[in-house]
Amino acid sequence: MTGDVSSSSRSGAASDPDDFDGKTVTKKELVSRIADRTGQTKVITKDIIQMFLDEIITELGKGNRLEFREFGVFEIKERAARKAQNPRTLEKVEVPKKKVVKFKVGRMMKERVGIT
């Protein structure tokens, strides 16, 4: 149980906006943390995380919406074509329509990260 408390307090620091230090957390770091917490090897943990990420990409590629209750929703939206201006030359340019991945934050993430 003590491991759970220390790992939550470690991740809990990021939930306080005043404690944000701008650190980049890599997949390697997440693999290490999850492997430690679950008792699995880093190789197995990395494979599972990569499979999860691959599934998200596959489903988005099919045009599907992914909903993780309390966490958030990933979906593909189409951005309309528009006119823009090159800030250096002030030249008007046409920006074609394109697909983008949108993420809508879920309730639990809003609360823990401090998003209003």
PDB file of N, CA and C in Angstrom:
ATOM      1  N   MET A   1       0.822  -1.204   0.000  1.00  0.00           N
ATOM      2  CA  MET A   1       0.000   0.000   0.000  1.00  0.00           C
ATOM      3  C   MET A   1       0.856   1.254   0.000  1.00  0.00           C
ATOM      4  N   THR A   2       2.009   1.202   0.648  1.00  0.00           N
ATOM      5  CA  THR A   2       2.859   2.376   0.703  1.00  0.00           C
ATOM      6  C   THR A   2       3.295   2.807  -0.691  1.00  0.00           C
ATOM      7  N   GLY A   3       3.575   1.845  -1.598  1.00  0.00           N
ATOM      8  CA  GLY A   3       3.956   2.166  -2.970  1.00  0.00           C
ATOM      9  C   GLY A   3       2.883   2.953  -3.680  1.00  0.00           C
ATOM     10  N   ASP A   4       1.603   2.613  -3.413  1.00  0.00           N
ATOM     11  CA  ASP A   4       0.507   3.334  -4.055  1.00  0.00           C
ATOM     12  C   ASP A   4       0.460   4.784  -3.595  1.00  0.00           C
ATOM     13  N   VAL A   5       0.710   4.999  -2.308  1.00  0.00           N
ATOM     14  CA  VAL A   5       0.644   6.359  -1.785  1.00  0.00           C
ATOM     15  C   VAL A   5       1.750   7.209  -2.378  1.00  0.00           C
ATOM     16  N   SER A   6       2.976   6.677  -2.422  1.00  0.00           N
ATOM     17  CA  SER A   6       4.077   7.476  -2.943  1.00  0.00           C
ATOM     18  C   SER A   6       3.905   7.723  -4.434  1.00  0.00           C
ATOM     19  N   SER A   7       3.401   6.726  -5.172  1.00  0.00           N
ATOM     20  CA  SER A   7       3.217   6.954  -6.604  1.00  0.00           C
ATOM     21  C   SER A   7       2.088   7.931  -6.852  1.00  0.00           C
ATOM     22  N   SER A   8       1.044   7.920  -5.997  1.00  0.00           N
ATOM     23  CA  SER A   8      -0.022   8.899  -6.202  1.00  0.00           C
ATOM     24  C   SER A   8       0.460  10.287  -5.843  1.00  0.00           C
ATOM     25  N   SER A   9       1.277  10.397  -4.809  1.00  0.00           N
ATOM     26  CA  SER A   9       1.745  11.728  -4.457  1.00  0.00           C
ATOM     27  C   SER A   9       2.700  12.244  -5.524  1.00  0.00           C
ATOM     28  N   ARG A  10       3.443  11.323  -6.154  1.00  0.00           N
ATOM     29  CA  ARG A  10       4.337  11.730  -7.233  1.00  0.00           C
ATOM     30  C   ARG A  10       3.515  12.281  -8.388  1.00  0.00           C
ATOM     31  N   SER A  11       2.475  11.550  -8.792  1.00  0.00           N
ATOM     32  CA  SER A  11       1.652  12.030  -9.900  1.00  0.00           C
ATOM     33  C   SER A  11       0.725  13.147  -9.437  1.00  0.00           C
ATOM     34  N   GLY A  12       0.428  13.206  -8.145  1.00  0.00           N
ATOM     35  CA  GLY A  12      -0.448  14.239  -7.615  1.00  0.00           C
ATOM     36  C   GLY A  12       0.161  15.621  -7.683  1.00  0.00           C
ATOM     37  N   ALA A  13       1.496  15.705  -7.671  1.00  0.00           N
ATOM     38  CA  ALA A  13       2.153  17.007  -7.732  1.00  0.00           C
ATOM     39  C   ALA A  13       1.799  17.747  -9.011  1.00  0.00           C
ATOM     40  N   ALA A  14       1.628  17.010 -10.095  1.00  0.00           N
ATOM     41  CA  ALA A  14       1.295  17.648 -11.367  1.00  0.00           C
ATOM     42  C   ALA A  14      -0.128  18.190 -11.365  1.00  0.00           C
ATOM     43  N   SER A  15      -0.976  17.698 -10.435  1.00  0.00           N
ATOM     44  CA  SER A  15      -2.355  18.164 -10.414  1.00  0.00           C
ATOM     45  C   SER A  15      -2.480  19.557  -9.806  1.00  0.00           C
ATOM     46  N   ASP A  16      -1.446  20.030  -9.105  1.00  0.00           N
ATOM     47  CA  ASP A  16      -1.457  21.380  -8.554  1.00  0.00           C
ATOM     48  C   ASP A  16      -0.785  22.302  -9.563  1.00  0.00           C
ATOM     49  N   PRO A  17      -1.555  23.205 -10.197  1.00  0.00           N
ATOM     50  CA  PRO A  17      -0.985  24.068 -11.231  1.00  0.00           C
ATOM     51  C   PRO A  17       0.220  24.875 -10.761  1.00  0.00           C
ATOM     52  N   ASP A  18       0.295  25.194  -9.472  1.00  0.00           N
ATOM     53  CA  ASP A  18       1.426  25.960  -8.950  1.00  0.00           C
ATOM     54  C   ASP A  18       2.710  25.134  -8.924  1.00  0.00           C
ATOM     55  N   ASP A  19       2.580  23.787  -8.894  1.00  0.00           N
ATOM     56  CA  ASP A  19       3.746  22.913  -8.846  1.00  0.00           C
ATOM     57  C   ASP A  19       4.244  22.521 -10.233  1.00  0.00           C
ATOM     58  N   PHE A  20       3.585  22.966 -11.291  1.00  0.00           N
ATOM     59  CA  PHE A  20       3.956  22.575 -12.646  1.00  0.00           C
ATOM     60  C   PHE A  20       5.347  23.087 -12.966  1.00  0.00           C
ATOM     61  N   ASP A  21       6.243  22.160 -13.347  1.00  0.00           N
ATOM     62  CA  ASP A  21       7.609  22.555 -13.672  1.00  0.00           C
ATOM     63  C   ASP A  21       7.926  22.357 -15.149  1.00  0.00           C
ATOM     64  N   GLY A  22       6.938  21.975 -15.945  1.00  0.00           N
ATOM     65  CA  GLY A  22       7.146  21.840 -17.368  1.00  0.00           C
ATOM     66  C   GLY A  22       7.937  20.620 -17.780  1.00  0.00           C
ATOM     67  N   LYS A  23       8.098  19.644 -16.933  1.00  0.00           N
ATOM     68  CA  LYS A  23       8.860  18.436 -17.223  1.00  0.00           C
ATOM     69  C   LYS A  23       8.143  17.611 -18.286  1.00  0.00           C
ATOM     70  N   THR A  24       8.910  17.054 -19.208  1.00  0.00           N
ATOM     71  CA  THR A  24       8.364  16.138 -20.199  1.00  0.00           C
ATOM     72  C   THR A  24       8.516  14.720 -19.670  1.00  0.00           C
ATOM     73  N   VAL A  25       7.419  13.982 -19.629  1.00  0.00           N
ATOM     74  CA  VAL A  25       7.437  12.595 -19.195  1.00  0.00           C
ATOM     75  C   VAL A  25       7.353  11.731 -20.445  1.00  0.00           C
ATOM     76  N   THR A  26       8.306  10.836 -20.608  1.00  0.00           N
ATOM     77  CA  THR A  26       8.366   9.997 -21.800  1.00  0.00           C
ATOM     78  C   THR A  26       7.627   8.682 -21.582  1.00  0.00           C
ATOM     79  N   LYS A  27       7.392   7.984 -22.695  1.00  0.00           N
ATOM     80  CA  LYS A  27       6.773   6.664 -22.609  1.00  0.00           C
ATOM     81  C   LYS A  27       7.654   5.733 -21.774  1.00  0.00           C
ATOM     82  N   LYS A  28       8.960   5.875 -21.906  1.00  0.00           N
ATOM     83  CA  LYS A  28       9.897   5.046 -21.145  1.00  0.00           C
ATOM     84  C   LYS A  28       9.681   5.234 -19.640  1.00  0.00           C
ATOM     85  N   GLU A  29       9.497   6.477 -19.211  1.00  0.00           N
ATOM     86  CA  GLU A  29       9.257   6.762 -17.790  1.00  0.00           C
ATOM     87  C   GLU A  29       7.930   6.163 -17.333  1.00  0.00           C
ATOM     88  N   LEU A  30       6.893   6.307 -18.154  1.00  0.00           N
ATOM     89  CA  LEU A  30       5.594   5.726 -17.798  1.00  0.00           C
ATOM     90  C   LEU A  30       5.679   4.207 -17.719  1.00  0.00           C
ATOM     91  N   VAL A  31       6.392   3.603 -18.657  1.00  0.00           N
ATOM     92  CA  VAL A  31       6.581   2.148 -18.647  1.00  0.00           C
ATOM     93  C   VAL A  31       7.237   1.730 -17.337  1.00  0.00           C
ATOM     94  N   SER A  32       8.267   2.442 -16.942  1.00  0.00           N
ATOM     95  CA  SER A  32       8.992   2.123 -15.711  1.00  0.00           C
ATOM     96  C   SER A  32       8.074   2.224 -14.485  1.00  0.00           C
ATOM     97  N   ARG A  33       7.303   3.300 -14.402  1.00  0.00           N
ATOM     98  CA  ARG A  33       6.390   3.483 -13.262  1.00  0.00           C
ATOM     99  C   ARG A  33       5.335   2.389 -13.202  1.00  0.00           C
ATOM    100  N   ILE A  34       4.733   2.100 -14.358  1.00  0.00           N
ATOM    101  CA  ILE A  34       3.660   1.097 -14.384  1.00  0.00           C
ATOM    102  C   ILE A  34       4.218  -0.293 -14.111  1.00  0.00           C
ATOM    103  N   ALA A  35       5.391  -0.595 -14.638  1.00  0.00           N
ATOM    104  CA  ALA A  35       6.028  -1.893 -14.370  1.00  0.00           C
ATOM    105  C   ALA A  35       6.298  -2.047 -12.878  1.00  0.00           C
ATOM    106  N   ASP A  36       6.788  -0.998 -12.247  1.00  0.00           N
ATOM    107  CA  ASP A  36       7.050  -1.038 -10.804  1.00  0.00           C
ATOM    108  C   ASP A  36       5.765  -1.278 -10.013  1.00  0.00           C
ATOM    109  N   ARG A  37       4.701  -0.599 -10.397  1.00  0.00           N
ATOM    110  CA  ARG A  37       3.437  -0.712  -9.664  1.00  0.00           C
ATOM    111  C   ARG A  37       2.743  -2.049  -9.875  1.00  0.00           C
ATOM    112  N   THR A  38       2.916  -2.636 -11.066  1.00  0.00           N
ATOM    113  CA  THR A  38       2.192  -3.877 -11.367  1.00  0.00           C
ATOM    114  C   THR A  38       3.022  -5.127 -11.128  1.00  0.00           C
ATOM    115  N   GLY A  39       4.332  -4.968 -11.007  1.00  0.00           N
ATOM    116  CA  GLY A  39       5.188  -6.139 -10.843  1.00  0.00           C
ATOM    117  C   GLY A  39       5.486  -6.837 -12.167  1.00  0.00           C
ATOM    118  N   GLN A  40       5.051  -6.258 -13.274  1.00  0.00           N
ATOM    119  CA  GLN A  40       5.348  -6.817 -14.595  1.00  0.00           C
ATOM    120  C   GLN A  40       6.724  -6.337 -15.043  1.00  0.00           C
ATOM    121  N   THR A  41       7.279  -7.034 -16.028  1.00  0.00           N
ATOM    122  CA  THR A  41       8.554  -6.578 -16.563  1.00  0.00           C
ATOM    123  C   THR A  41       8.323  -5.336 -17.420  1.00  0.00           C
ATOM    124  N   LYS A  42       9.386  -4.578 -17.609  1.00  0.00           N
ATOM    125  CA  LYS A  42       9.280  -3.382 -18.447  1.00  0.00           C
ATOM    126  C   LYS A  42       8.975  -3.755 -19.895  1.00  0.00           C
ATOM    127  N   VAL A  43       9.495  -4.877 -20.351  1.00  0.00           N
ATOM    128  CA  VAL A  43       9.256  -5.314 -21.733  1.00  0.00           C
ATOM    129  C   VAL A  43       7.770  -5.601 -21.950  1.00  0.00           C
ATOM    130  N   ILE A  44       7.167  -6.342 -21.036  1.00  0.00           N
ATOM    131  CA  ILE A  44       5.731  -6.663 -21.156  1.00  0.00           C
ATOM    132  C   ILE A  44       4.905  -5.386 -21.032  1.00  0.00           C
ATOM    133  N   THR A  45       5.245  -4.556 -20.075  1.00  0.00           N
ATOM    134  CA  THR A  45       4.512  -3.305 -19.869  1.00  0.00           C
ATOM    135  C   THR A  45       4.607  -2.419 -21.101  1.00  0.00           C
ATOM    136  N   LYS A  46       5.798  -2.299 -21.675  1.00  0.00           N
ATOM    137  CA  LYS A  46       5.975  -1.484 -22.881  1.00  0.00           C
ATOM    138  C   LYS A  46       5.137  -2.034 -24.030  1.00  0.00           C
ATOM    139  N   ASP A  47       5.128  -3.357 -24.199  1.00  0.00           N
ATOM    140  CA  ASP A  47       4.343  -3.976 -25.270  1.00  0.00           C
ATOM    141  C   ASP A  47       2.853  -3.684 -25.104  1.00  0.00           C
ATOM    142  N   ILE A  48       2.358  -3.771 -23.882  1.00  0.00           N
ATOM    143  CA  ILE A  48       0.937  -3.521 -23.617  1.00  0.00           C
ATOM    144  C   ILE A  48       0.595  -2.054 -23.895  1.00  0.00           C
ATOM    145  N   ILE A  49       1.421  -1.148 -23.416  1.00  0.00           N
ATOM    146  CA  ILE A  49       1.173   0.278 -23.655  1.00  0.00           C
ATOM    147  C   ILE A  49       1.207   0.573 -25.154  1.00  0.00           C
ATOM    148  N   GLN A  50       2.173   0.000 -25.861  1.00  0.00           N
ATOM    149  CA  GLN A  50       2.270   0.238 -27.302  1.00  0.00           C
ATOM    150  C   GLN A  50       1.055  -0.338 -28.032  1.00  0.00           C
ATOM    151  N   MET A  51       0.590  -1.511 -27.614  1.00  0.00           N
ATOM    152  CA  MET A  51      -0.615  -2.085 -28.224  1.00  0.00           C
ATOM    153  C   MET A  51      -1.818  -1.173 -28.004  1.00  0.00           C
ATOM    154  N   PHE A  52      -1.928  -0.618 -26.813  1.00  0.00           N
ATOM    155  CA  PHE A  52      -3.016   0.301 -26.488  1.00  0.00           C
ATOM    156  C   PHE A  52      -2.957   1.534 -27.400  1.00  0.00           C
ATOM    157  N   LEU A  53      -1.789   2.124 -27.526  1.00  0.00           N
ATOM    158  CA  LEU A  53      -1.627   3.301 -28.379  1.00  0.00           C
ATOM    159  C   LEU A  53      -1.908   2.963 -29.844  1.00  0.00           C
ATOM    160  N   ASP A  54      -1.439   1.791 -30.290  1.00  0.00           N
ATOM    161  CA  ASP A  54      -1.693   1.351 -31.667  1.00  0.00           C
ATOM    162  C   ASP A  54      -3.190   1.189 -31.928  1.00  0.00           C
ATOM    163  N   GLU A  55      -3.921   0.670 -30.950  1.00  0.00           N
ATOM    164  CA  GLU A  55      -5.370   0.509 -31.100  1.00  0.00           C
ATOM    165  C   GLU A  55      -6.073   1.860 -31.211  1.00  0.00           C
ATOM    166  N   ILE A  56      -5.613   2.831 -30.446  1.00  0.00           N
ATOM    167  CA  ILE A  56      -6.193   4.178 -30.541  1.00  0.00           C
ATOM    168  C   ILE A  56      -5.989   4.714 -31.950  1.00  0.00           C
ATOM    169  N   ILE A  57      -4.784   4.584 -32.471  1.00  0.00           N
ATOM    170  CA  ILE A  57      -4.481   5.064 -33.819  1.00  0.00           C
ATOM    171  C   ILE A  57      -5.325   4.322 -34.857  1.00  0.00           C
ATOM    172  N   THR A  58      -5.425   3.017 -34.732  1.00  0.00           N
ATOM    173  CA  THR A  58      -6.213   2.218 -35.678  1.00  0.00           C
ATOM    174  C   THR A  58      -7.666   2.655 -35.691  1.00  0.00           C
ATOM    175  N   GLU A  59      -8.253   2.821 -34.512  1.00  0.00           N
ATOM    176  CA  GLU A  59      -9.664   3.207 -34.434  1.00  0.00           C
ATOM    177  C   GLU A  59      -9.894   4.612 -34.965  1.00  0.00           C
ATOM    178  N   LEU A  60      -9.007   5.537 -34.657  1.00  0.00           N
ATOM    179  CA  LEU A  60      -9.135   6.886 -35.207  1.00  0.00           C
ATOM    180  C   LEU A  60      -8.988   6.857 -36.727  1.00  0.00           C
ATOM    181  N   GLY A  61      -8.087   6.008 -37.217  1.00  0.00           N
ATOM    182  CA  GLY A  61      -7.899   5.863 -38.657  1.00  0.00           C
ATOM    183  C   GLY A  61      -9.148   5.354 -39.355  1.00  0.00           C
ATOM    184  N   LYS A  62      -9.958   4.578 -38.653  1.00  0.00           N
ATOM    185  CA  LYS A  62     -11.226   4.078 -39.198  1.00  0.00           C
ATOM    186  C   LYS A  62     -12.336   5.120 -39.080  1.00  0.00           C
ATOM    187  N   GLY A  63     -12.027   6.237 -38.434  1.00  0.00           N
ATOM    188  CA  GLY A  63     -13.038   7.279 -38.247  1.00  0.00           C
ATOM    189  C   GLY A  63     -13.865   7.092 -36.993  1.00  0.00           C
ATOM    190  N   ASN A  64     -13.456   6.170 -36.135  1.00  0.00           N
ATOM    191  CA  ASN A  64     -14.206   5.897 -34.910  1.00  0.00           C
ATOM    192  C   ASN A  64     -13.838   6.881 -33.807  1.00  0.00           C
ATOM    193  N   ARG A  65     -14.769   7.047 -32.903  1.00  0.00           N
ATOM    194  CA  ARG A  65     -14.615   7.903 -31.726  1.00  0.00           C
ATOM    195  C   ARG A  65     -14.233   6.999 -30.559  1.00  0.00           C
ATOM    196  N   LEU A  66     -13.264   7.414 -29.757  1.00  0.00           N
ATOM    197  CA  LEU A  66     -12.862   6.627 -28.588  1.00  0.00           C
ATOM    198  C   LEU A  66     -13.240   7.378 -27.328  1.00  0.00           C
ATOM    199  N   GLU A  67     -14.035   6.741 -26.499  1.00  0.00           N
ATOM    200  CA  GLU A  67     -14.489   7.376 -25.267  1.00  0.00           C
ATOM    201  C   GLU A  67     -13.982   6.590 -24.071  1.00  0.00           C
ATOM    202  N   PHE A  68     -13.226   7.275 -23.235  1.00  0.00           N
ATOM    203  CA  PHE A  68     -12.735   6.700 -21.982  1.00  0.00           C
ATOM    204  C   PHE A  68     -13.408   7.494 -20.871  1.00  0.00           C
ATOM    205  N   ARG A  69     -14.454   6.927 -20.307  1.00  0.00           N
ATOM    206  CA  ARG A  69     -15.251   7.630 -19.302  1.00  0.00           C
ATOM    207  C   ARG A  69     -14.357   8.218 -18.214  1.00  0.00           C
ATOM    208  N   GLU A  70     -14.688   9.436 -17.830  1.00  0.00           N
ATOM    209  CA  GLU A  70     -13.969  10.195 -16.804  1.00  0.00           C
ATOM    210  C   GLU A  70     -12.622  10.735 -17.292  1.00  0.00           C
ATOM    211  N   PHE A  71     -12.033  10.115 -18.311  1.00  0.00           N
ATOM    212  CA  PHE A  71     -10.724  10.541 -18.826  1.00  0.00           C
ATOM    213  C   PHE A  71     -10.881  11.527 -19.974  1.00  0.00           C
ATOM    214  N   GLY A  72     -11.579  11.095 -21.030  1.00  0.00           N
ATOM    215  CA  GLY A  72     -11.777  11.985 -22.167  1.00  0.00           C
ATOM    216  C   GLY A  72     -12.181  11.239 -23.421  1.00  0.00           C
ATOM    217  N   VAL A  73     -12.335  11.997 -24.502  1.00  0.00           N
ATOM    218  CA  VAL A  73     -12.799  11.454 -25.776  1.00  0.00           C
ATOM    219  C   VAL A  73     -11.855  11.904 -26.888  1.00  0.00           C
ATOM    220  N   PHE A  74     -11.418  10.940 -27.703  1.00  0.00           N
ATOM    221  CA  PHE A  74     -10.647  11.220 -28.903  1.00  0.00           C
ATOM    222  C   PHE A  74     -11.579  11.066 -30.094  1.00  0.00           C
ATOM    223  N   GLU A  75     -11.519  12.012 -31.028  1.00  0.00           N
ATOM    224  CA  GLU A  75     -12.299  11.865 -32.245  1.00  0.00           C
ATOM    225  C   GLU A  75     -11.661  12.662 -33.372  1.00  0.00           C
ATOM    226  N   ILE A  76     -12.020  12.286 -34.601  1.00  0.00           N
ATOM    227  CA  ILE A  76     -11.535  12.979 -35.783  1.00  0.00           C
ATOM    228  C   ILE A  76     -12.572  14.026 -36.177  1.00  0.00           C
ATOM    229  N   LYS A  77     -12.117  15.222 -36.412  1.00  0.00           N
ATOM    230  CA  LYS A  77     -12.979  16.304 -36.893  1.00  0.00           C
ATOM    231  C   LYS A  77     -12.373  16.824 -38.184  1.00  0.00           C
ATOM    232  N   GLU A  78     -13.221  17.360 -39.033  1.00  0.00           N
ATOM    233  CA  GLU A  78     -12.708  17.949 -40.259  1.00  0.00           C
ATOM    234  C   GLU A  78     -12.711  19.463 -40.114  1.00  0.00           C
ATOM    235  N   ARG A  79     -11.556  20.046 -40.327  1.00  0.00           N
ATOM    236  CA  ARG A  79     -11.427  21.497 -40.296  1.00  0.00           C
ATOM    237  C   ARG A  79     -11.761  22.032 -41.688  1.00  0.00           C
ATOM    238  N   ALA A  80     -12.608  23.017 -41.750  1.00  0.00           N
ATOM    239  CA  ALA A  80     -13.026  23.588 -43.029  1.00  0.00           C
ATOM    240  C   ALA A  80     -11.866  24.318 -43.705  1.00  0.00           C
ATOM    241  N   ALA A  81     -11.934  24.399 -45.020  1.00  0.00           N
ATOM    242  CA  ALA A  81     -10.960  25.197 -45.766  1.00  0.00           C
ATOM    243  C   ALA A  81     -11.127  26.655 -45.342  1.00  0.00           C
ATOM    244  N   ARG A  82     -10.027  27.403 -45.404  1.00  0.00           N
ATOM    245  CA  ARG A  82     -10.111  28.797 -44.973  1.00  0.00           C
ATOM    246  C   ARG A  82      -9.022  29.609 -45.652  1.00  0.00           C
ATOM    247  N   LYS A  83      -9.146  30.895 -45.542  1.00  0.00           N
ATOM    248  CA  LYS A  83      -8.105  31.793 -46.036  1.00  0.00           C
ATOM    249  C   LYS A  83      -7.270  32.228 -44.843  1.00  0.00           C
ATOM    250  N   ALA A  84      -5.964  32.250 -45.030  1.00  0.00           N
ATOM    251  CA  ALA A  84      -5.054  32.674 -43.963  1.00  0.00           C
ATOM    252  C   ALA A  84      -4.072  33.677 -44.553  1.00  0.00           C
ATOM    253  N   GLN A  85      -3.246  34.230 -43.683  1.00  0.00           N
ATOM    254  CA  GLN A  85      -2.277  35.223 -44.127  1.00  0.00           C
ATOM    255  C   GLN A  85      -0.900  34.836 -43.627  1.00  0.00           C
ATOM    256  N   ASN A  86       0.066  34.831 -44.528  1.00  0.00           N
ATOM    257  CA  ASN A  86       1.446  34.577 -44.151  1.00  0.00           C
ATOM    258  C   ASN A  86       1.933  35.789 -43.352  1.00  0.00           C
ATOM    259  N   PRO A  87       2.332  35.602 -42.086  1.00  0.00           N
ATOM    260  CA  PRO A  87       2.714  36.749 -41.252  1.00  0.00           C
ATOM    261  C   PRO A  87       3.971  37.487 -41.743  1.00  0.00           C
ATOM    262  N   ARG A  88       4.839  36.796 -42.477  1.00  0.00           N
ATOM    263  CA  ARG A  88       6.061  37.451 -42.968  1.00  0.00           C
ATOM    264  C   ARG A  88       5.794  38.306 -44.202  1.00  0.00           C
ATOM    265  N   THR A  89       5.064  37.696 -45.157  1.00  0.00           N
ATOM    266  CA  THR A  89       4.862  38.389 -46.440  1.00  0.00           C
ATOM    267  C   THR A  89       3.509  39.077 -46.528  1.00  0.00           C
ATOM    268  N   LEU A  90       2.629  38.784 -45.595  1.00  0.00           N
ATOM    269  CA  LEU A  90       1.253  39.285 -45.580  1.00  0.00           C
ATOM    270  C   LEU A  90       0.438  38.798 -46.784  1.00  0.00           C
ATOM    271  N   GLU A  91       0.974  37.787 -47.477  1.00  0.00           N
ATOM    272  CA  GLU A  91       0.294  37.204 -48.623  1.00  0.00           C
ATOM    273  C   GLU A  91      -0.876  36.347 -48.159  1.00  0.00           C
ATOM    274  N   LYS A  92      -2.004  36.464 -48.836  1.00  0.00           N
ATOM    275  CA  LYS A  92      -3.176  35.641 -48.533  1.00  0.00           C
ATOM    276  C   LYS A  92      -2.962  34.270 -49.158  1.00  0.00           C
ATOM    277  N   VAL A  93      -3.253  33.234 -48.380  1.00  0.00           N
ATOM    278  CA  VAL A  93      -3.113  31.860 -48.885  1.00  0.00           C
ATOM    279  C   VAL A  93      -4.361  31.059 -48.544  1.00  0.00           C
ATOM    280  N   GLU A  94      -4.663  30.083 -49.402  1.00  0.00           N
ATOM    281  CA  GLU A  94      -5.779  29.171 -49.161  1.00  0.00           C
ATOM    282  C   GLU A  94      -5.258  27.999 -48.339  1.00  0.00           C
ATOM    283  N   VAL A  95      -5.929  27.710 -47.251  1.00  0.00           N
ATOM    284  CA  VAL A  95      -5.598  26.549 -46.440  1.00  0.00           C
ATOM    285  C   VAL A  95      -6.689  25.519 -46.712  1.00  0.00           C
ATOM    286  N   PRO A  96      -6.319  24.353 -47.253  1.00  0.00           N
ATOM    287  CA  PRO A  96      -7.335  23.365 -47.599  1.00  0.00           C
ATOM    288  C   PRO A  96      -7.963  22.743 -46.352  1.00  0.00           C
ATOM    289  N   LYS A  97      -9.136  22.126 -46.530  1.00  0.00           N
ATOM    290  CA  LYS A  97      -9.749  21.419 -45.405  1.00  0.00           C
ATOM    291  C   LYS A  97      -8.840  20.267 -45.012  1.00  0.00           C
ATOM    292  N   LYS A  98      -8.898  19.892 -43.748  1.00  0.00           N
ATOM    293  CA  LYS A  98      -8.078  18.775 -43.293  1.00  0.00           C
ATOM    294  C   LYS A  98      -8.714  18.127 -42.078  1.00  0.00           C
ATOM    295  N   LYS A  99      -8.310  16.901 -41.828  1.00  0.00           N
ATOM    296  CA  LYS A  99      -8.786  16.170 -40.658  1.00  0.00           C
ATOM    297  C   LYS A  99      -7.803  16.386 -39.516  1.00  0.00           C
ATOM    298  N   VAL A 100      -8.346  16.548 -38.314  1.00  0.00           N
ATOM    299  CA  VAL A 100      -7.515  16.711 -37.119  1.00  0.00           C
ATOM    300  C   VAL A 100      -8.056  15.826 -36.001  1.00  0.00           C
ATOM    301  N   VAL A 101      -7.177  15.428 -35.114  1.00  0.00           N
ATOM    302  CA  VAL A 101      -7.593  14.660 -33.941  1.00  0.00           C
ATOM    303  C   VAL A 101      -7.931  15.653 -32.840  1.00  0.00           C
ATOM    304  N   LYS A 102      -9.119  15.520 -32.282  1.00  0.00           N
ATOM    305  CA  LYS A 102      -9.555  16.369 -31.172  1.00  0.00           C
ATOM    306  C   LYS A 102      -9.616  15.513 -29.917  1.00  0.00           C
ATOM    307  N   PHE A 103      -9.295  16.126 -28.796  1.00  0.00           N
ATOM    308  CA  PHE A 103      -9.415  15.454 -27.502  1.00  0.00           C
ATOM    309  C   PHE A 103     -10.237  16.333 -26.593  1.00  0.00           C
ATOM    310  N   LYS A 104     -11.314  15.779 -26.084  1.00  0.00           N
ATOM    311  CA  LYS A 104     -12.153  16.495 -25.125  1.00  0.00           C
ATOM    312  C   LYS A 104     -11.884  15.900 -23.743  1.00  0.00           C
ATOM    313  N   VAL A 105     -11.492  16.742 -22.824  1.00  0.00           N
ATOM    314  CA  VAL A 105     -11.114  16.313 -21.478  1.00  0.00           C
ATOM    315  C   VAL A 105     -12.334  15.841 -20.698  1.00  0.00           C
ATOM    316  N   GLY A 106     -12.181  14.722 -20.004  1.00  0.00           N
ATOM    317  CA  GLY A 106     -13.242  14.173 -19.174  1.00  0.00           C
ATOM    318  C   GLY A 106     -13.270  14.799 -17.787  1.00  0.00           C
ATOM    319  N   ARG A 107     -14.333  14.510 -17.060  1.00  0.00           N
ATOM    320  CA  ARG A 107     -14.559  15.110 -15.741  1.00  0.00           C
ATOM    321  C   ARG A 107     -13.426  14.833 -14.752  1.00  0.00           C
ATOM    322  N   MET A 108     -13.008  13.582 -14.628  1.00  0.00           N
ATOM    323  CA  MET A 108     -11.972  13.247 -13.647  1.00  0.00           C
ATOM    324  C   MET A 108     -10.653  13.951 -13.982  1.00  0.00           C
ATOM    325  N   MET A 109     -10.309  14.001 -15.270  1.00  0.00           N
ATOM    326  CA  MET A 109      -9.072  14.678 -15.635  1.00  0.00           C
ATOM    327  C   MET A 109      -9.174  16.172 -15.345  1.00  0.00           C
ATOM    328  N   LYS A 110     -10.321  16.771 -15.632  1.00  0.00           N
ATOM    329  CA  LYS A 110     -10.514  18.193 -15.333  1.00  0.00           C
ATOM    330  C   LYS A 110     -10.264  18.462 -13.858  1.00  0.00           C
ATOM    331  N   GLU A 111     -10.841  17.604 -13.011  1.00  0.00           N
ATOM    332  CA  GLU A 111     -10.689  17.796 -11.569  1.00  0.00           C
ATOM    333  C   GLU A 111      -9.258  17.623 -11.116  1.00  0.00           C
ATOM    334  N   ARG A 112      -8.594  16.573 -11.581  1.00  0.00           N
ATOM    335  CA  ARG A 112      -7.241  16.268 -11.108  1.00  0.00           C
ATOM    336  C   ARG A 112      -6.185  17.212 -11.673  1.00  0.00           C
ATOM    337  N   VAL A 113      -6.412  17.708 -12.887  1.00  0.00           N
ATOM    338  CA  VAL A 113      -5.428  18.583 -13.507  1.00  0.00           C
ATOM    339  C   VAL A 113      -5.721  20.041 -13.170  1.00  0.00           C
ATOM    340  N   GLY A 114      -6.935  20.313 -12.740  1.00  0.00           N
ATOM    341  CA  GLY A 114      -7.291  21.669 -12.357  1.00  0.00           C
ATOM    342  C   GLY A 114      -7.740  22.515 -13.525  1.00  0.00           C
ATOM    343  N   ILE A 115      -8.366  21.885 -14.513  1.00  0.00           N
ATOM    344  CA  ILE A 115      -8.874  22.613 -15.676  1.00  0.00           C
ATOM    345  C   ILE A 115     -10.276  23.099 -15.364  1.00  0.00           C
ATOM    346  N   THR A 116     -10.548  24.339 -15.707  1.00  0.00           N
ATOM    347  CA  THR A 116     -11.895  24.874 -15.460  1.00  0.00           C
ATOM    348  C   THR A 116     -12.674  25.000 -16.735  1.00  0.00           C
TER     349      THR A 116
END
